[in-house]
């Protein structure tokens, strides 16, 4: 019975130390009806426990005496838990992404705080993000994505052929059926996307790709999917790499790989290089900087147009002509 009381006493103090509270030996001795030497032995046991974790798990916590608080406190942090600034930054990114429904984002943030934040900091972190959680505005599709993301991720990993039904642009409300080879998942501009090659059966009854580049499907518009119980193979050298694709595509408008060259006369070259990871400055003059980049599809036009007079497309000629056409049509609206 005495041993049980000691264990409970030690655990009680350990929990309060984890919560950021201080332990005064005199007050603890009075509280538990023991002498101060017993409290000191409890603190020594806690220190020994933390010392062992420091060697095996990289735990940097220590119990030290704080003169200002007239008691013992816990310092340092447990390996694997996030600091205040880290969890706050991650939470802000998740909230700003607007990628999940309000219910999903609430559950995810609660789990992040309870599972990754030291206990003594939980209330502070929760208070910092509570207002943004309350005012969070979910996207109009209001579609839960977590389970769908996991299932599709498994199919990508397993190279499983799939049949999907997909709702095209909202204005058309057209539902199409596609057989696909799923090869990657990416996130961009509020939405998750599945990268996949569309396939059809040839005369021999084998599925073959109908385009040389993957199509992009917005995951919330995938209404149903099923496994065709068949795998596909892509040579290692031709494997799809989400990171490399993401560097070269803007606003998820896929297409053929294009070598783009344009002149930029704005103030922030850094903003250009951050927006287009494959971009590099090839020359500088009083007329501006000439920049080259590899891009997929025509989505880059939307971004180039957003730069107004600060951008002039040089190559390829087809993209330059397309820019002129769009600008002329835009001007005609005024």
Protein backbone atom coordinates (compact mmCIF):
# COMPACT_ATOMS: atom_id res chain seq x y z
CA UNK A 1 0.00 0.00 0.00
CA UNK A 2 2.83 2.39 0.89
CA UNK A 3 4.51 1.68 -2.47
CA UNK A 4 1.23 2.40 -4.27
CA UNK A 5 0.95 5.76 -2.47
CA UNK A 6 4.51 6.62 -3.49
CA UNK A 7 3.86 5.71 -7.14
CA UNK A 8 0.69 7.80 -7.22
CA UNK A 9 2.51 10.70 -5.56
CA UNK A 10 5.39 10.56 -8.04
CA UNK A 11 3.07 10.32 -11.05
CA UNK A 12 0.98 13.22 -9.76
CA UNK A 13 4.05 15.45 -9.51
CA UNK A 14 5.32 14.31 -12.92
CA UNK A 15 2.04 15.23 -14.59
CA UNK A 16 2.01 18.67 -12.96
CA UNK A 17 5.61 19.27 -13.99
CA UNK A 18 4.64 18.36 -17.59
CA UNK A 19 1.81 20.90 -17.34
CA UNK A 20 4.36 23.62 -16.52
CA UNK A 21 3.55 23.85 -12.81
CA UNK A 22 6.16 24.18 -10.08
CA UNK A 23 6.73 21.76 -7.20
CA UNK A 24 7.50 23.19 -3.74
CA UNK A 25 8.87 20.49 -1.46
CA UNK A 26 7.37 21.91 1.73
CA UNK A 27 3.90 22.25 0.20
CA UNK A 28 4.06 18.79 -1.38
CA UNK A 29 5.14 17.19 1.89
CA UNK A 30 2.18 18.80 3.65
CA UNK A 31 -0.20 17.83 0.86
CA UNK A 32 0.75 14.14 0.88
CA UNK A 33 1.48 13.83 4.62
CA UNK A 34 5.14 12.84 4.23
CA UNK A 35 8.46 14.49 5.02
CA UNK A 36 10.41 16.61 2.51
CA UNK A 37 13.01 13.86 2.06
CA UNK A 38 10.31 11.64 0.52
CA UNK A 39 9.41 14.41 -1.92
CA UNK A 40 13.09 14.82 -2.79
CA UNK A 41 13.37 11.08 -3.51
CA UNK A 42 10.30 11.37 -5.79
CA UNK A 43 11.96 14.21 -7.67
CA UNK A 44 15.16 12.17 -7.95
CA UNK A 45 13.14 9.29 -9.44
CA UNK A 46 11.62 11.66 -12.01
CA UNK A 47 15.09 12.99 -12.86
CA UNK A 48 16.41 9.44 -13.30
CA UNK A 49 13.48 8.62 -15.59
CA UNK A 50 14.16 11.71 -17.74
CA UNK A 51 17.89 10.95 -17.79
CA UNK A 52 17.18 7.49 -19.17
CA UNK A 53 14.92 8.97 -21.88
CA UNK A 54 17.64 11.46 -22.78
CA UNK A 55 19.93 8.58 -23.71
CA UNK A 56 17.35 6.39 -25.47
CA UNK A 57 14.92 8.89 -27.02
CA UNK A 58 16.72 12.22 -27.16
CA UNK A 59 14.45 13.73 -24.48
CA UNK A 60 15.98 17.06 -23.37
CA UNK A 61 13.70 17.66 -20.36
CA UNK A 62 15.17 18.24 -16.92
CA UNK A 63 13.82 19.03 -13.46
CA UNK A 64 15.60 22.08 -12.01
CA UNK A 65 15.04 24.50 -9.13
CA UNK A 66 13.56 27.87 -10.12
CA UNK A 67 14.35 30.50 -7.48
CA UNK A 68 11.80 32.97 -8.85
CA UNK A 69 8.97 30.43 -8.48
CA UNK A 70 10.43 28.90 -5.29
CA UNK A 71 10.00 25.40 -6.59
CA UNK A 72 11.13 22.73 -9.03
CA UNK A 73 10.08 23.04 -12.69
CA UNK A 74 10.57 21.07 -15.87
CA UNK A 75 12.66 22.61 -18.65
CA UNK A 76 13.53 21.45 -22.17
CA UNK A 77 11.26 19.54 -24.52
CA UNK A 78 10.37 15.97 -25.37
CA UNK A 79 11.80 14.66 -28.63
CA UNK A 80 9.13 14.30 -31.30
CA UNK A 81 6.89 17.06 -29.95
CA UNK A 82 6.53 20.37 -31.72
CA UNK A 83 7.58 23.72 -30.27
CA UNK A 84 5.00 26.49 -29.94
CA UNK A 85 6.20 28.26 -33.05
CA UNK A 86 6.26 25.04 -35.09
CA UNK A 87 2.70 23.95 -34.28
CA UNK A 88 1.45 27.51 -34.72
CA UNK A 89 3.07 27.74 -38.18
CA UNK A 90 1.71 24.34 -39.28
CA UNK A 91 -1.77 25.23 -38.01
CA UNK A 92 -1.73 28.54 -39.89
CA UNK A 93 -0.72 26.80 -43.12
CA UNK A 94 -3.51 24.24 -42.75
CA UNK A 95 -6.09 26.94 -42.03
CA UNK A 96 -4.97 29.12 -44.94
CA UNK A 97 -5.00 26.17 -47.35
CA UNK A 98 -8.79 25.73 -46.87
CA UNK A 99 -8.22 22.19 -48.15
CA UNK A 100 -10.59 20.43 -45.75
CA UNK A 101 -14.16 20.79 -44.55
CA UNK A 102 -14.71 22.71 -41.31
CA UNK A 103 -15.33 19.46 -39.43
CA UNK A 104 -12.16 17.86 -40.84
CA UNK A 105 -9.92 20.86 -40.08
CA UNK A 106 -11.23 21.00 -36.51
CA UNK A 107 -10.46 17.32 -35.93
CA UNK A 108 -7.00 17.56 -37.52
CA UNK A 109 -5.98 20.63 -35.49
CA UNK A 110 -7.26 19.12 -32.24
CA UNK A 111 -5.20 15.98 -32.88
CA UNK A 112 -2.12 18.04 -33.77
CA UNK A 113 -2.34 20.01 -30.55
CA UNK A 114 -3.09 17.03 -28.28
CA UNK A 115 -0.57 14.69 -29.91
CA UNK A 116 2.32 16.98 -30.85
CA UNK A 117 2.37 19.82 -28.33
CA UNK A 118 3.89 19.59 -24.82
CA UNK A 119 1.06 19.45 -22.30
CA UNK A 120 2.04 22.71 -20.62
CA UNK A 121 1.67 24.60 -23.94
CA UNK A 122 -1.62 23.09 -25.11
CA UNK A 123 -3.91 25.85 -23.84
CA UNK A 124 -1.70 28.61 -25.25
CA UNK A 125 -1.56 27.01 -28.70
CA UNK A 126 -5.29 26.21 -28.67
CA UNK A 127 -6.11 29.81 -27.76
CA UNK A 128 -3.90 31.17 -30.55
CA UNK A 129 -5.74 29.25 -33.28
CA UNK A 130 -9.26 29.14 -31.79
CA UNK A 131 -10.46 32.34 -33.47
CA UNK A 132 -9.34 31.22 -36.92
CA UNK A 133 -10.92 27.80 -36.39
CA UNK A 134 -14.21 29.50 -35.54
CA UNK A 135 -14.15 31.75 -38.61
CA UNK A 136 -12.80 29.09 -40.98
CA UNK A 137 -14.63 29.13 -44.33
CA UNK A 138 -14.75 25.78 -46.09
CA UNK A 139 -14.78 25.46 -49.86
CA UNK A 140 -18.07 25.28 -51.74
CA UNK A 141 -17.75 21.61 -52.69
CA UNK A 142 -17.98 20.66 -48.96
CA UNK A 143 -16.62 17.21 -49.79
CA UNK A 144 -14.77 15.18 -47.15
CA UNK A 145 -11.41 14.16 -48.55
CA UNK A 146 -9.29 12.34 -45.96
CA UNK A 147 -10.46 8.79 -46.64
CA UNK A 148 -10.55 9.33 -50.39
CA UNK A 149 -6.98 10.67 -50.34
CA UNK A 150 -5.73 7.58 -48.49
CA UNK A 151 -7.47 5.11 -50.81
CA UNK A 152 -6.19 6.87 -53.93
CA UNK A 153 -2.70 7.06 -52.42
CA UNK A 154 -2.76 3.29 -51.93
CA UNK A 155 -3.76 2.77 -55.58
CA UNK A 156 -0.87 4.97 -56.70
CA UNK A 157 1.57 2.97 -54.58
CA UNK A 158 0.15 -0.37 -55.76
CA UNK A 159 -0.05 0.69 -59.44
CA UNK A 160 -3.69 -0.42 -59.61
CA UNK A 161 -5.79 0.32 -62.67
CA UNK A 162 -8.98 2.18 -61.71
CA UNK A 163 -12.29 3.23 -63.20
CA UNK A 164 -13.62 6.58 -62.02
CA UNK A 165 -16.69 8.71 -62.63
CA UNK A 166 -15.76 12.38 -62.72
CA UNK A 167 -17.72 15.60 -62.70
CA UNK A 168 -16.20 18.01 -65.19
CA UNK A 169 -16.22 21.80 -64.85
CA UNK A 170 -19.09 22.94 -62.64
CA UNK A 171 -20.71 24.92 -65.46
CA UNK A 172 -21.11 21.83 -67.66
CA UNK A 173 -22.24 19.45 -64.87
CA UNK A 174 -21.17 16.61 -67.17
CA UNK A 175 -20.30 13.26 -65.58
CA UNK A 176 -17.72 11.21 -67.49
CA UNK A 177 -16.29 7.74 -66.95
CA UNK A 178 -12.55 7.13 -67.30
CA UNK A 179 -10.18 4.21 -66.91
CA UNK A 180 -6.93 5.51 -65.45
CA UNK A 181 -3.44 4.64 -64.27
CA UNK A 182 -3.08 6.72 -61.07
CA UNK A 183 0.50 7.94 -60.65
CA UNK A 184 0.55 10.77 -58.12
CA UNK A 185 -1.23 13.13 -55.71
CA UNK A 186 -0.55 16.86 -55.46
CA UNK A 187 -2.03 19.88 -53.67
CA UNK A 188 -2.37 23.31 -55.28
CA UNK A 189 -4.48 26.45 -54.86
CA UNK A 190 -7.00 25.06 -52.31
CA UNK A 191 -7.51 21.65 -53.97
CA UNK A 192 -6.05 18.13 -53.98
CA UNK A 193 -5.47 16.55 -57.39
CA UNK A 194 -4.91 13.05 -58.71
CA UNK A 195 -2.41 12.75 -61.55
CA UNK A 196 -3.28 9.84 -63.82
CA UNK A 197 -2.83 8.60 -67.36
CA UNK A 198 -6.11 8.00 -69.20
CA UNK A 199 -6.08 4.59 -70.90
CA UNK A 200 -8.24 2.76 -73.41
CA UNK A 201 -8.25 -0.78 -74.72
CA UNK A 202 -6.50 -1.32 -78.04
CA UNK A 203 -7.38 -3.90 -80.70
CA UNK A 204 -5.59 -6.57 -78.67
CA UNK A 205 -7.70 -5.81 -75.61
CA UNK A 206 -4.82 -4.24 -73.68
CA UNK A 207 -5.04 -0.89 -71.92
CA UNK A 208 -2.76 1.77 -73.48
CA UNK A 209 -2.19 5.42 -72.63
CA UNK A 210 -3.96 7.84 -74.98
CA UNK A 211 -1.78 10.86 -74.03
CA UNK A 212 1.94 11.19 -73.37
CA UNK A 213 1.34 13.27 -70.26
CA UNK A 214 -0.85 12.72 -67.18
CA UNK A 215 -4.30 14.24 -66.81
CA UNK A 216 -5.17 16.12 -63.63
CA UNK A 217 -8.38 15.21 -61.77
CA UNK A 218 -9.61 17.36 -58.89
CA UNK A 219 -10.25 14.83 -56.15
CA UNK A 220 -13.45 16.39 -54.82
CA UNK A 221 -14.95 15.94 -58.31
CA UNK A 222 -14.23 12.21 -58.38
CA UNK A 223 -17.70 10.92 -57.58
CA UNK A 224 -16.95 7.21 -57.52
CA UNK A 225 -14.05 4.87 -58.13
CA UNK A 226 -13.41 1.16 -58.29
CA UNK A 227 -10.43 -1.13 -58.56
CA UNK A 228 -10.26 -3.04 -61.84
CA UNK A 229 -8.16 -5.74 -60.18
CA UNK A 230 -5.34 -5.17 -62.66
CA UNK A 231 -1.93 -3.60 -62.26
CA UNK A 232 0.09 -1.51 -64.67
CA UNK A 233 3.83 -1.03 -65.07
CA UNK A 234 5.80 2.13 -65.72
CA UNK A 235 9.56 1.82 -66.34
CA UNK A 236 11.60 3.26 -63.48
CA UNK A 237 13.16 5.90 -65.72
CA UNK A 238 9.67 7.06 -66.79
CA UNK A 239 8.11 7.05 -63.32
CA UNK A 240 5.99 10.04 -62.39
CA UNK A 241 7.50 12.31 -59.76
CA UNK A 242 5.04 14.64 -58.03
CA UNK A 243 7.75 17.09 -57.01
CA UNK A 244 9.14 17.51 -60.51
CA UNK A 245 5.63 17.84 -61.99
CA UNK A 246 4.67 20.45 -59.39
CA UNK A 247 7.68 22.58 -60.30
CA UNK A 248 6.52 22.86 -63.89
CA UNK A 249 2.73 23.28 -63.71
CA UNK A 250 0.66 26.33 -62.81
CA UNK A 251 -2.96 26.22 -61.60
CA UNK A 252 -3.11 22.51 -62.47
CA UNK A 253 -3.51 23.00 -66.22
CA UNK A 254 -1.53 20.03 -67.62
CA UNK A 255 -0.21 19.57 -71.13
CA UNK A 256 2.99 19.03 -73.02
CA UNK A 257 6.34 20.19 -71.64
CA UNK A 258 7.23 23.63 -73.02
CA UNK A 259 10.40 25.68 -72.86
CA UNK A 260 9.29 29.22 -72.01
CA UNK A 261 11.27 32.42 -72.32
CA UNK A 262 9.97 35.82 -71.20
CA UNK A 263 11.21 39.28 -70.24
CA UNK A 264 10.38 40.62 -66.80
CA UNK A 265 10.60 44.33 -65.92
CA UNK A 266 9.06 44.23 -62.45
CA UNK A 267 10.80 44.78 -59.12
CA UNK A 268 10.88 41.34 -57.51
CA UNK A 269 12.83 38.67 -59.37
CA UNK A 270 12.70 36.57 -56.20
CA UNK A 271 8.90 36.34 -56.46
CA UNK A 272 9.26 34.99 -60.02
CA UNK A 273 11.80 32.35 -59.00
CA UNK A 274 9.63 31.28 -56.06
CA UNK A 275 6.50 31.01 -58.21
CA UNK A 276 8.21 29.07 -61.03
CA UNK A 277 10.81 26.72 -59.45
CA UNK A 278 12.36 25.81 -62.84
CA UNK A 279 12.93 29.47 -63.76
CA UNK A 280 16.43 30.90 -64.18
CA UNK A 281 17.66 34.32 -65.21
CA UNK A 282 19.68 34.06 -68.44
CA UNK A 283 20.42 37.77 -69.00
CA UNK A 284 19.90 41.20 -67.44
CA UNK A 285 19.81 44.64 -69.06
CA UNK A 286 18.07 48.00 -68.81
CA UNK A 287 15.17 46.42 -70.68
CA UNK A 288 14.67 43.88 -67.89
CA UNK A 289 15.59 40.30 -67.08
CA UNK A 290 15.19 37.46 -69.57
CA UNK A 291 13.98 34.34 -67.80
CA UNK A 292 13.72 30.76 -69.05
CA UNK A 293 11.68 27.95 -67.54
CA UNK A 294 10.22 24.51 -68.21
CA UNK A 295 6.44 24.40 -67.84
CA UNK A 296 3.61 21.97 -68.48
CA UNK A 297 0.48 23.12 -70.29
CA UNK A 298 -1.05 26.58 -70.62
CA UNK A 299 -1.77 27.34 -66.97
CA UNK A 300 1.35 29.53 -66.95
CA UNK A 301 -0.54 32.01 -69.16
CA UNK A 302 -2.90 32.82 -66.29
CA UNK A 303 0.02 33.78 -64.10
CA UNK A 304 1.85 35.70 -66.84
CA UNK A 305 -1.30 37.73 -67.52
CA UNK A 306 -1.51 38.60 -63.83
CA UNK A 307 1.84 40.42 -64.15
CA UNK A 308 0.43 42.97 -66.60
CA UNK A 309 2.93 45.14 -68.47
CA UNK A 310 5.85 43.70 -66.46
CA UNK A 311 5.94 40.55 -68.62
CA UNK A 312 6.59 39.98 -72.33
CA UNK A 313 6.57 36.40 -73.67
CA UNK A 314 9.44 35.82 -76.12
CA UNK A 315 9.30 32.08 -76.81
CA UNK A 316 7.67 29.90 -77.94
CA UNK A 317 6.00 31.82 -80.72
CA UNK A 318 2.71 29.97 -80.25
CA UNK A 319 2.49 31.11 -76.62
CA UNK A 320 3.42 34.66 -77.55
CA UNK A 321 0.60 34.70 -80.12
CA UNK A 322 -1.81 33.24 -77.57
CA UNK A 323 -0.91 36.01 -75.13
CA UNK A 324 -1.57 38.66 -77.79
CA UNK A 325 -4.93 37.08 -78.61
CA UNK A 326 -6.04 36.98 -74.98
CA UNK A 327 -4.94 40.58 -74.37
CA UNK A 328 -6.78 41.81 -77.46
CA UNK A 329 -9.94 39.97 -76.43
CA UNK A 330 -9.62 41.38 -72.91
CA UNK A 331 -9.19 44.92 -74.24
CA UNK A 332 -12.34 44.54 -76.35
CA UNK A 333 -14.33 44.17 -73.11
CA UNK A 334 -13.49 47.79 -72.33
